[in-house]
Amino acid sequence: MTKDGNRKFSVHFTEEFNRCLDQIQAFFAEQGEDVLEWWFSKEDNMIDEIDRLLSSFPYAGKVVEQGTFKGLRCLTYGKGRHRILNYLVFYAVNENEENIDVINILPSRSKRKRIK
């Protein structure tokens, strides 16, 4: 729900967000062609879902209180059991102009170390 209940916000994906997607794509490309094709099948759907969610519920994400993304909002996207398949989406809400700038997307990671 938006703050006053029924406003729709415009969602804009920034160049920084696109660069982050490129880095995620490069990671999946290193895993092989099948994995890259899987990523391509998910990427557009993911962007559409983020757009739909944030345009209707711009305050869904929690405000980041410290660190590099302080002052932005953070939303976890994904329902995967494996945390690498979930993503943290950082965005800014411009309430006066009723728009949202989606700034960054990062893979969600567990605090466990990788087993070598």
C-alpha atoms as a PDB file:
ATOM      1  CA  MET A   1       0.000   0.000   0.000  1.00  0.00           C
ATOM      2  CA  THR A   2       1.237   3.475  -0.735  1.00  0.00           C
ATOM      3  CA  LYS A   3       1.239   6.056   2.018  1.00  0.00           C
ATOM      4  CA  ASP A   4      -2.081   7.530   0.989  1.00  0.00           C
ATOM      5  CA  GLY A   5      -3.522   4.231  -0.218  1.00  0.00           C
ATOM      6  CA  ASN A   6      -4.054   4.507  -3.960  1.00  0.00           C
ATOM      7  CA  ARG A   7      -1.267   6.365  -5.780  1.00  0.00           C
ATOM      8  CA  LYS A   8       0.779   4.591  -8.429  1.00  0.00           C
ATOM      9  CA  PHE A   9       4.458   5.440  -8.646  1.00  0.00           C
ATOM     10  CA  SER A  10       6.571   5.365 -11.816  1.00  0.00           C
ATOM     11  CA  VAL A  11       9.532   3.004 -11.575  1.00  0.00           C
ATOM     12  CA  HIS A  12      12.824   3.845 -13.312  1.00  0.00           C
ATOM     13  CA  PHE A  13      15.732   1.416 -13.546  1.00  0.00           C
ATOM     14  CA  THR A  14      19.032   3.332 -13.398  1.00  0.00           C
ATOM     15  CA  GLU A  15      22.243   2.705 -15.344  1.00  0.00           C
ATOM     16  CA  GLU A  16      23.832   1.436 -12.123  1.00  0.00           C
ATOM     17  CA  PHE A  17      21.047  -1.141 -11.846  1.00  0.00           C
ATOM     18  CA  ASN A  18      21.698  -2.222 -15.453  1.00  0.00           C
ATOM     19  CA  ARG A  19      25.434  -2.580 -14.731  1.00  0.00           C
ATOM     20  CA  CYS A  20      24.596  -4.778 -11.748  1.00  0.00           C
ATOM     21  CA  LEU A  21      22.412  -6.967 -13.972  1.00  0.00           C
ATOM     22  CA  ASP A  22      25.323  -7.231 -16.414  1.00  0.00           C
ATOM     23  CA  GLN A  23      27.568  -8.477 -13.594  1.00  0.00           C
ATOM     24  CA  ILE A  24      24.985 -11.063 -12.548  1.00  0.00           C
ATOM     25  CA  GLN A  25      24.675 -12.155 -16.179  1.00  0.00           C
ATOM     26  CA  ALA A  26      28.472 -12.497 -16.451  1.00  0.00           C
ATOM     27  CA  PHE A  27      28.463 -14.716 -13.360  1.00  0.00           C
ATOM     28  CA  PHE A  28      25.822 -16.990 -14.862  1.00  0.00           C
ATOM     29  CA  ALA A  29      27.644 -17.001 -18.224  1.00  0.00           C
ATOM     30  CA  GLU A  30      30.690 -18.443 -16.452  1.00  0.00           C
ATOM     31  CA  GLN A  31      28.525 -21.332 -15.250  1.00  0.00           C
ATOM     32  CA  GLY A  32      27.718 -22.497 -18.781  1.00  0.00           C
ATOM     33  CA  GLU A  33      25.280 -21.966 -21.599  1.00  0.00           C
ATOM     34  CA  ASP A  34      22.355 -23.798 -19.944  1.00  0.00           C
ATOM     35  CA  VAL A  35      22.664 -21.671 -16.819  1.00  0.00           C
ATOM     36  CA  LEU A  36      22.885 -18.481 -18.888  1.00  0.00           C
ATOM     37  CA  GLU A  37      19.738 -19.450 -20.806  1.00  0.00           C
ATOM     38  CA  TRP A  38      18.002 -20.072 -17.473  1.00  0.00           C
ATOM     39  CA  TRP A  39      19.015 -16.557 -16.334  1.00  0.00           C
ATOM     40  CA  PHE A  40      17.683 -14.998 -19.546  1.00  0.00           C
ATOM     41  CA  SER A  41      14.358 -16.775 -18.984  1.00  0.00           C
ATOM     42  CA  LYS A  42      14.108 -15.237 -15.487  1.00  0.00           C
ATOM     43  CA  GLU A  43      15.555 -11.739 -15.969  1.00  0.00           C
ATOM     44  CA  ASP A  44      12.647 -10.040 -17.776  1.00  0.00           C
ATOM     45  CA  ASN A  45      10.098 -11.591 -15.431  1.00  0.00           C
ATOM     46  CA  MET A  46      12.109 -10.409 -12.430  1.00  0.00           C
ATOM     47  CA  ILE A  47      12.236  -6.822 -13.724  1.00  0.00           C
ATOM     48  CA  ASP A  48       8.490  -6.863 -14.446  1.00  0.00           C
ATOM     49  CA  GLU A  49       7.710  -8.156 -10.945  1.00  0.00           C
ATOM     50  CA  ILE A  50       9.927  -5.537  -9.285  1.00  0.00           C
ATOM     51  CA  ASP A  51       8.225  -2.842 -11.383  1.00  0.00           C
ATOM     52  CA  ARG A  52       4.725  -4.052 -10.447  1.00  0.00           C
ATOM     53  CA  LEU A  53       5.525  -4.393  -6.766  1.00  0.00           C
ATOM     54  CA  LEU A  54       7.252  -1.034  -6.329  1.00  0.00           C
ATOM     55  CA  SER A  55       4.770   0.952  -8.427  1.00  0.00           C
ATOM     56  CA  SER A  56       1.958  -0.225  -6.147  1.00  0.00           C
ATOM     57  CA  PHE A  57       3.849  -0.581  -2.856  1.00  0.00           C
ATOM     58  CA  PRO A  58       6.795   1.851  -2.918  1.00  0.00           C
ATOM     59  CA  TYR A  59       7.322   1.634   0.839  1.00  0.00           C
ATOM     60  CA  ALA A  60       7.505  -2.179   0.951  1.00  0.00           C
ATOM     61  CA  GLY A  61      11.258  -2.192   1.521  1.00  0.00           C
ATOM     62  CA  LYS A  62      12.890  -1.270   4.798  1.00  0.00           C
ATOM     63  CA  VAL A  63      15.004   1.873   5.047  1.00  0.00           C
ATOM     64  CA  VAL A  64      18.730   1.082   5.176  1.00  0.00           C
ATOM     65  CA  GLU A  65      20.126   2.664   8.332  1.00  0.00           C
ATOM     66  CA  GLN A  66      23.870   2.271   7.780  1.00  0.00           C
ATOM     67  CA  GLY A  67      26.507   1.418   5.207  1.00  0.00           C
ATOM     68  CA  THR A  68      26.913   2.228   1.544  1.00  0.00           C
ATOM     69  CA  PHE A  69      23.173   2.225   0.855  1.00  0.00           C
ATOM     70  CA  LYS A  70      22.160   4.314   3.889  1.00  0.00           C
ATOM     71  CA  GLY A  71      18.943   6.225   3.242  1.00  0.00           C
ATOM     72  CA  LEU A  72      17.783   3.966   0.408  1.00  0.00           C
ATOM     73  CA  ARG A  73      15.129   1.294   0.791  1.00  0.00           C
ATOM     74  CA  CYS A  74      15.955  -2.403   0.486  1.00  0.00           C
ATOM     75  CA  LEU A  75      13.655  -5.145  -0.710  1.00  0.00           C
ATOM     76  CA  THR A  76      14.457  -8.851  -0.945  1.00  0.00           C
ATOM     77  CA  TYR A  77      13.334 -10.349  -4.245  1.00  0.00           C
ATOM     78  CA  GLY A  78      13.024 -14.091  -4.754  1.00  0.00           C
ATOM     79  CA  LYS A  79      11.669 -17.145  -3.073  1.00  0.00           C
ATOM     80  CA  GLY A  80      14.514 -19.541  -3.705  1.00  0.00           C
ATOM     81  CA  ARG A  81      15.700 -21.918  -1.020  1.00  0.00           C
ATOM     82  CA  HIS A  82      19.219 -21.155  -2.176  1.00  0.00           C
ATOM     83  CA  ARG A  83      20.011 -17.602  -1.104  1.00  0.00           C
ATOM     84  CA  ILE A  84      22.145 -16.975  -4.205  1.00  0.00           C
ATOM     85  CA  LEU A  85      18.891 -17.089  -6.201  1.00  0.00           C
ATOM     86  CA  ASN A  86      17.421 -14.268  -4.094  1.00  0.00           C
ATOM     87  CA  TYR A  87      18.368 -10.640  -4.598  1.00  0.00           C
ATOM     88  CA  LEU A  88      18.546  -7.449  -2.573  1.00  0.00           C
ATOM     89  CA  VAL A  89      17.053  -4.531  -4.499  1.00  0.00           C
ATOM     90  CA  PHE A  90      18.023  -1.018  -3.383  1.00  0.00           C
ATOM     91  CA  TYR A  91      15.850   1.889  -4.422  1.00  0.00           C
ATOM     92  CA  ALA A  92      14.939   5.500  -3.639  1.00  0.00           C
ATOM     93  CA  VAL A  93      11.401   6.853  -3.394  1.00  0.00           C
ATOM     94  CA  ASN A  94      10.783  10.407  -4.595  1.00  0.00           C
ATOM     95  CA  GLU A  95       7.437  11.055  -2.986  1.00  0.00           C
ATOM     96  CA  ASN A  96       6.893  14.533  -4.495  1.00  0.00           C
ATOM     97  CA  GLU A  97       7.336  13.335  -8.071  1.00  0.00           C
ATOM     98  CA  GLU A  98       5.739   9.939  -7.368  1.00  0.00           C
ATOM     99  CA  ASN A  99       8.614   7.985  -8.866  1.00  0.00           C
ATOM    100  CA  ILE A 100      11.091   5.373  -7.771  1.00  0.00           C
ATOM    101  CA  ASP A 101      14.692   4.990  -8.881  1.00  0.00           C
ATOM    102  CA  VAL A 102      15.810   1.373  -8.691  1.00  0.00           C
ATOM    103  CA  ILE A 103      19.519   1.777  -8.090  1.00  0.00           C
ATOM    104  CA  ASN A 104      21.135  -1.550  -7.355  1.00  0.00           C
ATOM    105  CA  ILE A 105      20.527  -5.281  -7.252  1.00  0.00           C
ATOM    106  CA  LEU A 106      22.854  -7.696  -5.491  1.00  0.00           C
ATOM    107  CA  PRO A 107      22.701 -11.435  -4.902  1.00  0.00           C
ATOM    108  CA  SER A 108      21.604 -12.228  -1.379  1.00  0.00           C
ATOM    109  CA  ARG A 109      24.304 -14.263   0.344  1.00  0.00           C
ATOM    110  CA  SER A 110      24.383 -16.317   3.461  1.00  0.00           C
ATOM    111  CA  LYS A 111      27.007 -15.688   6.132  1.00  0.00           C
ATOM    112  CA  ARG A 112      28.346 -19.230   5.721  1.00  0.00           C
ATOM    113  CA  LYS A 113      31.700 -19.744   4.072  1.00  0.00           C
ATOM    114  CA  ARG A 114      31.900 -21.703   0.834  1.00  0.00           C
ATOM    115  CA  ILE A 115      32.972 -25.297   1.177  1.00  0.00           C
ATOM    116  CA  LYS A 116      36.140 -25.891  -0.824  1.00  0.00           C
END
